[in-house]
């Protein structure tokens, strides 16, 4: 399971310290080479067991920047109970 940080990211660092699994890296360490922050889908838990919604999305000042990603949800992984549809913002302002 995972979330995605979109290209509307302003690289403010708000999400980096909020992730309980340290799954977010800045644009310098993004393995895709894109100039945005990156969420490692192998370690992101959508904050299941830690928060009601992803902590990164709660801390992000850019509306709609962090969205749900269905492509990385393994069938055996628990899903966040507040999960929206693929591509929808994790937190609505």
Protein backbone atom coordinates (compact mmCIF):
# COMPACT_ATOMS: atom_id res chain seq x y z
CA UNK A 1 0.00 0.00 0.00
CA UNK A 2 1.19 3.46 -0.54
CA UNK A 3 0.54 7.07 -1.31
CA UNK A 4 2.16 9.15 -4.03
CA UNK A 5 3.54 12.66 -3.82
CA UNK A 6 2.54 14.47 -7.00
CA UNK A 7 4.43 17.05 -9.02
CA UNK A 8 2.64 19.83 -7.11
CA UNK A 9 5.12 19.17 -4.29
CA UNK A 10 6.91 22.36 -3.23
CA UNK A 11 9.74 20.50 -1.45
CA UNK A 12 8.97 22.12 1.89
CA UNK A 13 10.11 19.13 4.00
CA UNK A 14 6.88 19.09 6.06
CA UNK A 15 6.24 15.41 5.32
CA UNK A 16 9.73 14.07 5.90
CA UNK A 17 9.70 14.06 9.70
CA UNK A 18 6.04 13.02 9.95
CA UNK A 19 6.37 9.62 8.28
CA UNK A 20 6.39 6.91 10.98
CA UNK A 21 8.13 4.44 8.65
CA UNK A 22 10.63 6.93 7.16
CA UNK A 23 9.35 6.02 3.69
CA UNK A 24 9.72 9.51 2.20
CA UNK A 25 12.89 10.79 0.58
CA UNK A 26 13.57 14.22 -0.86
CA UNK A 27 14.08 14.98 -4.53
CA UNK A 28 17.85 14.44 -4.30
CA UNK A 29 17.29 10.80 -3.28
CA UNK A 30 14.27 10.11 -5.51
CA UNK A 31 15.07 6.82 -7.31
CA UNK A 32 12.91 7.81 -10.30
CA UNK A 33 15.05 10.89 -10.97
CA UNK A 34 12.02 13.19 -10.75
CA UNK A 35 12.48 16.52 -9.00
CA UNK A 36 9.84 15.77 -6.34
CA UNK A 37 9.73 13.91 -3.05
CA UNK A 38 9.20 10.16 -3.27
CA UNK A 39 7.31 7.63 -1.14
CA UNK A 40 8.82 4.15 -1.06
CA UNK A 41 5.84 1.86 -1.77
CA UNK A 42 7.60 -1.11 -0.17
CA UNK A 43 7.73 0.53 3.27
CA UNK A 44 4.77 2.95 3.25
CA UNK A 45 1.91 1.67 5.42
CA UNK A 46 -0.56 4.52 4.77
CA UNK A 47 -0.10 5.06 8.54
CA UNK A 48 -2.32 2.07 9.35
CA UNK A 49 -1.90 1.58 13.09
CA UNK A 50 -0.30 5.00 13.53
CA UNK A 51 -2.81 7.63 12.34
CA UNK A 52 -6.32 7.83 10.93
CA UNK A 53 -4.97 9.36 7.73
CA UNK A 54 -1.44 9.46 6.29
CA UNK A 55 0.66 11.78 8.46
CA UNK A 56 2.49 13.10 5.42
CA UNK A 57 -0.77 14.32 3.87
CA UNK A 58 -1.91 15.88 7.15
CA UNK A 59 1.31 17.88 7.38
CA UNK A 60 1.49 18.92 3.72
CA UNK A 61 0.60 22.57 3.04
CA UNK A 62 -0.11 21.91 -0.64
CA UNK A 63 -3.71 20.83 -1.15
CA UNK A 64 -4.04 17.57 -3.08
CA UNK A 65 -0.30 16.98 -3.31
CA UNK A 66 -0.38 13.53 -1.69
CA UNK A 67 -2.79 11.04 -3.26
CA UNK A 68 -3.80 7.39 -2.86
CA UNK A 69 -1.99 4.88 -5.06
CA UNK A 70 -3.80 1.63 -5.88
CA UNK A 71 -0.98 0.31 -8.05
CA UNK A 72 1.14 -0.54 -5.03
CA UNK A 73 -1.49 -2.10 -2.76
CA UNK A 74 -0.76 -5.77 -2.16
CA UNK A 75 -3.86 -7.87 -1.44
CA UNK A 76 -2.52 -9.09 1.92
CA UNK A 77 -1.75 -5.59 3.24
CA UNK A 78 -4.27 -3.79 5.43
CA UNK A 79 -5.76 -0.69 3.86
CA UNK A 80 -6.33 2.60 5.58
CA UNK A 81 -9.99 2.73 6.63
CA UNK A 82 -10.24 6.30 5.34
CA UNK A 83 -8.78 5.40 1.95
CA UNK A 84 -10.22 7.11 -1.09
CA UNK A 85 -10.06 6.11 -4.72
CA UNK A 86 -6.84 5.86 -6.69
CA UNK A 87 -5.46 9.33 -7.44
CA UNK A 88 -7.72 11.14 -4.97
CA UNK A 89 -6.10 13.39 -2.35
CA UNK A 90 -5.49 11.62 0.96
CA UNK A 91 -6.68 14.67 2.86
CA UNK A 92 -9.26 17.15 1.64
CA UNK A 93 -8.97 20.72 2.93
